[in-house]
């Protein structure tokens, strides 16, 4: 790709007391084979010495800028600050504990430049542990499964204009802001999965806690409530299945009121699907059910 055809990529890095792995995350930006990037670090009112660490990186490379919140705005607020201050033609974001593979930006920019009809692309990635050792590779799914679950994952590149079409991250949907903006993007844009492993996602104790997980499924239900009429890919059967999945998660947390509510909604959308799925599960022998869980 020639210098003139090398658009700037804006990488937004939100952080809150995230100095532990930050050096590795930033180094993964330095290691990119594609040099035309900027890193916008948004310090979401850290209470440790993260600002001093960030200042050293800003002084090290003029491609790095930082913005500090005086009050904590949580992840969607920090991402929005980064988006509003980005200069690039393309946008992605990188957590302070994750890593881009060296060819990530090169591959994604080349894909987007050769597929001008695509607004947003997302790729496979690998999970690593606290020491950076591989756990497993994640193959991303079909975007038409959005609404049932989040198939896009953590590695993506989108054109800046997507935000003009769909708006910013919903700050009232913290913990589900990603699914919400993917759904809105799917409604108005062309999204493509690419099965290339370009990202390392770190699993560690700061990942979603069980308390946070308990807050996620009502937010997914709220996303369906807001957007379902425009989600053209959601058939009645898919919608029923989505609500049955929500019911299962609510039941797991002994949230019986929402469990019944979600089951009732599933029946309303496709009673045949709900009954068929229930009978199929009831008639499955226990040993088969263990090998092939529904």
Protein backbone atom coordinates (compact mmCIF):
# COMPACT_ATOMS: atom_id res chain seq x y z
CA UNK A 1 0.00 0.00 0.00
CA UNK A 2 1.50 3.34 -1.00
CA UNK A 3 2.05 6.24 1.41
CA UNK A 4 -0.71 8.26 -0.28
CA UNK A 5 -3.13 5.35 0.05
CA UNK A 6 -2.32 4.71 3.72
CA UNK A 7 -5.17 6.14 5.79
CA UNK A 8 -4.73 6.93 9.47
CA UNK A 9 -6.14 4.42 11.95
CA UNK A 10 -7.29 5.75 15.32
CA UNK A 11 -6.84 3.29 18.19
CA UNK A 12 -8.76 4.33 21.30
CA UNK A 13 -7.49 2.88 24.58
CA UNK A 14 -9.81 3.47 27.57
CA UNK A 15 -8.15 2.82 30.92
CA UNK A 16 -8.96 2.96 34.61
CA UNK A 17 -6.13 1.99 36.98
CA UNK A 18 -4.88 -0.19 34.16
CA UNK A 19 -1.10 0.23 34.33
CA UNK A 20 -0.38 -3.48 34.99
CA UNK A 21 -0.64 -4.60 31.37
CA UNK A 22 -0.66 -1.21 29.66
CA UNK A 23 2.98 -1.36 28.57
CA UNK A 24 2.32 -4.62 26.69
CA UNK A 25 -0.81 -3.22 25.07
CA UNK A 26 0.98 -0.08 23.89
CA UNK A 27 3.97 -2.10 22.71
CA UNK A 28 1.61 -4.09 20.48
CA UNK A 29 0.81 -0.77 18.76
CA UNK A 30 4.50 0.00 18.29
CA UNK A 31 4.94 -3.49 16.83
CA UNK A 32 2.42 -2.92 14.04
CA UNK A 33 3.70 -3.45 10.51
CA UNK A 34 1.27 -0.68 9.50
CA UNK A 35 2.78 2.57 10.84
CA UNK A 36 -0.04 5.01 10.11
CA UNK A 37 -1.88 4.98 13.41
CA UNK A 38 -2.60 7.21 16.36
CA UNK A 39 -3.26 6.01 19.89
CA UNK A 40 -5.78 8.02 21.91
CA UNK A 41 -5.53 6.97 25.57
CA UNK A 42 -8.57 7.98 27.61
CA UNK A 43 -7.81 7.93 31.34
CA UNK A 44 -11.20 7.46 32.98
CA UNK A 45 -10.27 9.23 36.24
CA UNK A 46 -7.70 6.67 37.42
CA UNK A 47 -6.88 6.84 41.13
CA UNK A 48 -3.42 5.21 40.91
CA UNK A 49 -0.28 6.44 39.16
CA UNK A 50 -1.55 5.50 35.69
CA UNK A 51 -1.41 9.18 34.57
CA UNK A 52 2.37 9.23 35.11
CA UNK A 53 2.78 6.05 33.05
CA UNK A 54 0.59 7.48 30.30
CA UNK A 55 2.57 10.75 30.25
CA UNK A 56 5.79 8.85 29.59
CA UNK A 57 4.28 7.19 26.52
CA UNK A 58 2.87 10.47 25.22
CA UNK A 59 6.37 11.98 25.46
CA UNK A 60 7.86 8.95 23.72
CA UNK A 61 5.93 9.08 20.42
CA UNK A 62 3.93 11.88 18.82
CA UNK A 63 1.39 9.34 17.55
CA UNK A 64 0.17 8.96 21.14
CA UNK A 65 -2.23 11.42 22.77
CA UNK A 66 -4.04 11.28 26.10
CA UNK A 67 -7.24 12.70 27.53
CA UNK A 68 -8.18 12.52 31.20
CA UNK A 69 -11.69 12.50 32.66
CA UNK A 70 -12.09 14.35 35.93
CA UNK A 71 -14.91 11.97 36.88
CA UNK A 72 -15.28 8.31 35.97
CA UNK A 73 -17.64 7.83 33.01
CA UNK A 74 -17.19 4.05 32.62
CA UNK A 75 -16.28 2.27 29.41
CA UNK A 76 -18.89 3.66 26.97
CA UNK A 77 -18.21 7.22 28.13
CA UNK A 78 -14.46 6.75 27.72
CA UNK A 79 -14.92 5.25 24.25
CA UNK A 80 -17.11 8.18 23.22
CA UNK A 81 -14.46 10.64 24.37
CA UNK A 82 -11.93 8.81 22.21
CA UNK A 83 -14.22 8.75 19.19
CA UNK A 84 -14.98 12.47 19.47
CA UNK A 85 -11.25 13.26 19.54
CA UNK A 86 -10.01 10.83 16.88
CA UNK A 87 -8.39 12.06 13.67
CA UNK A 88 -8.29 8.85 11.66
CA UNK A 89 -10.35 7.56 8.76
CA UNK A 90 -10.70 4.24 10.59
CA UNK A 91 -11.48 3.41 14.20
CA UNK A 92 -10.79 0.53 16.52
CA UNK A 93 -10.29 0.24 20.24
CA UNK A 94 -7.84 -1.67 22.37
CA UNK A 95 -8.25 -2.48 26.05
CA UNK A 96 -5.28 -1.68 28.28
CA UNK A 97 -4.71 -5.40 28.86
CA UNK A 98 -5.15 -6.81 25.34
CA UNK A 99 -2.79 -7.05 22.37
CA UNK A 100 -2.95 -6.50 18.64
CA UNK A 101 -1.01 -9.03 16.59
CA UNK A 102 1.74 -7.26 14.58
CA UNK A 103 -0.10 -7.57 11.25
CA UNK A 104 -3.53 -6.61 12.60
CA UNK A 105 -3.84 -3.06 11.28
CA UNK A 106 -2.09 -3.91 8.02
CA UNK A 107 -4.51 -6.75 7.33
CA UNK A 108 -7.66 -4.86 8.36
CA UNK A 109 -6.84 -1.64 6.50
CA UNK A 110 -6.00 -3.59 3.35
CA UNK A 111 -9.30 -5.46 3.64
CA UNK A 112 -11.33 -2.27 4.07
CA UNK A 113 -9.50 -0.46 1.27
CA UNK A 114 -10.18 -3.34 -1.13
CA UNK A 115 -13.82 -3.72 0.02
CA UNK A 116 -15.17 -0.14 -0.16
CA UNK A 117 -18.74 -1.37 0.30
CA UNK A 118 -17.96 -2.75 3.78
CA UNK A 119 -18.49 -0.36 6.70
CA UNK A 120 -17.25 -2.57 9.53
CA UNK A 121 -15.21 -5.77 9.61
CA UNK A 122 -14.42 -8.04 12.54
CA UNK A 123 -12.03 -10.94 12.92
CA UNK A 124 -11.15 -14.04 14.89
CA UNK A 125 -8.96 -13.70 17.97
CA UNK A 126 -7.25 -15.79 20.64
CA UNK A 127 -7.68 -15.81 24.40
CA UNK A 128 -4.56 -15.68 26.58
CA UNK A 129 -4.03 -15.98 30.33
CA UNK A 130 -2.44 -13.48 32.72
CA UNK A 131 1.04 -14.53 31.61
CA UNK A 132 0.25 -14.30 27.91
CA UNK A 133 -0.01 -18.05 27.39
CA UNK A 134 -2.59 -19.16 24.78
CA UNK A 135 -5.91 -20.59 25.96
CA UNK A 136 -7.94 -21.02 22.78
CA UNK A 137 -8.81 -19.45 19.45
CA UNK A 138 -12.22 -17.86 19.03
CA UNK A 139 -13.90 -18.04 15.63
CA UNK A 140 -16.37 -15.20 15.23
CA UNK A 141 -19.89 -15.92 14.05
CA UNK A 142 -22.49 -14.73 11.58
CA UNK A 143 -23.58 -11.13 12.28
CA UNK A 144 -27.16 -12.26 11.66
CA UNK A 145 -26.91 -13.97 15.04
CA UNK A 146 -26.70 -10.55 16.71
CA UNK A 147 -29.69 -10.28 18.98
CA UNK A 148 -29.25 -13.86 20.11
CA UNK A 149 -25.71 -13.26 21.35
CA UNK A 150 -22.68 -11.08 20.63
CA UNK A 151 -20.82 -12.74 17.77
CA UNK A 152 -18.46 -9.92 16.88
CA UNK A 153 -15.96 -10.13 19.70
CA UNK A 154 -13.04 -7.82 20.36
CA UNK A 155 -11.14 -7.22 17.10
CA UNK A 156 -12.71 -4.94 14.53
CA UNK A 157 -12.15 -1.96 12.25
CA UNK A 158 -14.83 0.47 11.17
CA UNK A 159 -14.97 3.55 9.01
CA UNK A 160 -15.31 6.81 10.91
CA UNK A 161 -18.53 7.54 9.00
CA UNK A 162 -20.27 4.67 10.79
CA UNK A 163 -20.65 6.91 13.84
CA UNK A 164 -22.42 9.50 11.67
CA UNK A 165 -24.92 6.80 10.67
CA UNK A 166 -25.53 5.02 13.98
CA UNK A 167 -24.42 7.44 16.69
CA UNK A 168 -22.09 6.87 19.61
CA UNK A 169 -21.90 4.23 22.34
CA UNK A 170 -24.97 4.17 24.59
CA UNK A 171 -23.67 5.35 27.96
CA UNK A 172 -26.73 4.00 29.77
CA UNK A 173 -25.91 0.45 28.61
CA UNK A 174 -22.58 -0.09 30.39
CA UNK A 175 -21.56 -3.76 30.08
CA UNK A 176 -23.66 -4.15 26.90
CA UNK A 177 -22.63 -1.04 24.98
CA UNK A 178 -20.74 -3.17 22.46
CA UNK A 179 -23.72 -5.36 21.55
CA UNK A 180 -25.93 -2.29 21.26
CA UNK A 181 -23.68 -0.48 18.79
CA UNK A 182 -23.14 -3.69 16.77
CA UNK A 183 -26.91 -4.09 16.47
CA UNK A 184 -27.34 -0.48 15.38
CA UNK A 185 -24.50 -0.91 12.90
CA UNK A 186 -26.03 -4.10 11.52
CA UNK A 187 -29.31 -2.26 10.95
CA UNK A 188 -27.74 0.54 8.90
CA UNK A 189 -24.36 -0.70 7.64
CA UNK A 190 -22.63 -3.59 5.90
CA UNK A 191 -20.72 -5.77 8.38
CA UNK A 192 -18.39 -8.60 7.41
CA UNK A 193 -16.67 -11.33 9.46
CA UNK A 194 -13.13 -12.31 8.44
CA UNK A 195 -11.60 -15.49 9.79
CA UNK A 196 -8.09 -14.26 10.48
CA UNK A 197 -6.70 -14.33 14.03
CA UNK A 198 -5.44 -10.77 14.65
CA UNK A 199 -5.89 -10.14 18.37
CA UNK A 200 -5.02 -11.49 21.83
CA UNK A 201 -7.73 -11.13 24.47
CA UNK A 202 -6.51 -11.49 28.04
CA UNK A 203 -8.56 -13.44 30.58
CA UNK A 204 -7.85 -12.45 34.19
CA UNK A 205 -9.61 -11.57 37.46
CA UNK A 206 -10.50 -8.09 36.20
CA UNK A 207 -12.71 -9.66 33.53
CA UNK A 208 -16.48 -9.69 34.02
CA UNK A 209 -17.36 -10.77 37.54
CA UNK A 210 -20.46 -12.80 38.35
CA UNK A 211 -22.02 -9.63 39.76
CA UNK A 212 -21.52 -7.87 36.45
CA UNK A 213 -22.78 -10.89 34.50
CA UNK A 214 -25.98 -10.68 36.51
CA UNK A 215 -26.45 -7.15 35.16
CA UNK A 216 -25.85 -8.06 31.52
CA UNK A 217 -28.91 -10.11 30.54
CA UNK A 218 -31.47 -7.40 31.46
CA UNK A 219 -29.42 -5.03 29.28
CA UNK A 220 -29.60 -7.49 26.37
CA UNK A 221 -33.37 -7.56 26.83
CA UNK A 222 -33.40 -3.76 26.76
CA UNK A 223 -31.43 -3.78 23.49
CA UNK A 224 -34.06 -6.07 21.96
CA UNK A 225 -36.81 -3.80 23.25
CA UNK A 226 -35.20 -0.75 21.65
CA UNK A 227 -34.17 -2.16 18.30
CA UNK A 228 -36.14 -5.31 17.48
CA UNK A 229 -38.56 -3.59 15.05
CA UNK A 230 -35.54 -2.57 12.91
CA UNK A 231 -33.64 -5.88 13.27
CA UNK A 232 -34.72 -7.22 9.88
CA UNK A 233 -32.74 -10.47 10.28
CA UNK A 234 -34.54 -11.54 13.46
CA UNK A 235 -37.25 -14.03 12.47
CA UNK A 236 -39.94 -14.93 15.02
CA UNK A 237 -38.06 -18.17 15.70
CA UNK A 238 -34.75 -16.36 16.27
CA UNK A 239 -36.47 -13.88 18.54
CA UNK A 240 -38.08 -16.65 20.56
CA UNK A 241 -34.72 -18.37 20.87
CA UNK A 242 -33.10 -15.12 22.03
CA UNK A 243 -35.67 -14.76 24.81
CA UNK A 244 -35.30 -18.41 25.83
CA UNK A 245 -31.56 -17.83 26.22
CA UNK A 246 -32.29 -14.79 28.35
CA UNK A 247 -34.70 -16.85 30.45
CA UNK A 248 -32.03 -19.48 31.02
CA UNK A 249 -29.56 -16.85 32.22
CA UNK A 250 -32.13 -15.23 34.48
CA UNK A 251 -33.01 -18.61 35.98
CA UNK A 252 -29.31 -19.28 36.64
CA UNK A 253 -29.27 -16.17 38.86
CA UNK A 254 -32.61 -17.10 40.50
CA UNK A 255 -34.28 -14.11 38.87
CA UNK A 256 -37.58 -15.94 38.53
CA UNK A 257 -39.66 -12.89 37.65
CA UNK A 258 -37.59 -12.14 34.56
CA UNK A 259 -37.36 -15.86 33.77
CA UNK A 260 -41.14 -16.07 33.43
CA UNK A 261 -41.29 -12.76 31.59
CA UNK A 262 -38.75 -13.87 28.98
CA UNK A 263 -40.43 -17.27 28.50
CA UNK A 264 -43.77 -15.54 27.97
CA UNK A 265 -42.20 -13.22 25.41
CA UNK A 266 -40.63 -16.18 23.60
CA UNK A 267 -44.03 -17.90 23.42
CA UNK A 268 -45.62 -14.73 22.09
CA UNK A 269 -43.15 -14.56 19.19
CA UNK A 270 -43.16 -18.26 18.26
CA UNK A 271 -45.18 -20.71 20.38
CA UNK A 272 -44.41 -23.52 17.93
CA UNK A 273 -40.66 -23.00 18.29
CA UNK A 274 -40.84 -22.92 22.09
CA UNK A 275 -42.97 -26.07 22.31
CA UNK A 276 -40.86 -27.93 19.74
CA UNK A 277 -37.62 -27.02 21.50
CA UNK A 278 -39.05 -28.01 24.89
CA UNK A 279 -40.26 -31.40 23.63
CA UNK A 280 -36.98 -32.04 21.84
CA UNK A 281 -35.05 -31.42 25.05
CA UNK A 282 -37.46 -33.52 27.12
CA UNK A 283 -37.15 -36.46 24.72
CA UNK A 284 -33.35 -36.33 24.50
CA UNK A 285 -31.71 -39.19 26.46
CA UNK A 286 -29.54 -37.91 29.35
CA UNK A 287 -26.26 -39.23 27.93
CA UNK A 288 -26.88 -37.49 24.58
CA UNK A 289 -27.91 -34.29 26.35
CA UNK A 290 -24.58 -34.23 28.17
CA UNK A 291 -22.59 -34.63 24.97
CA UNK A 292 -24.69 -32.22 22.93
CA UNK A 293 -26.13 -29.61 25.31
CA UNK A 294 -28.84 -27.39 23.89
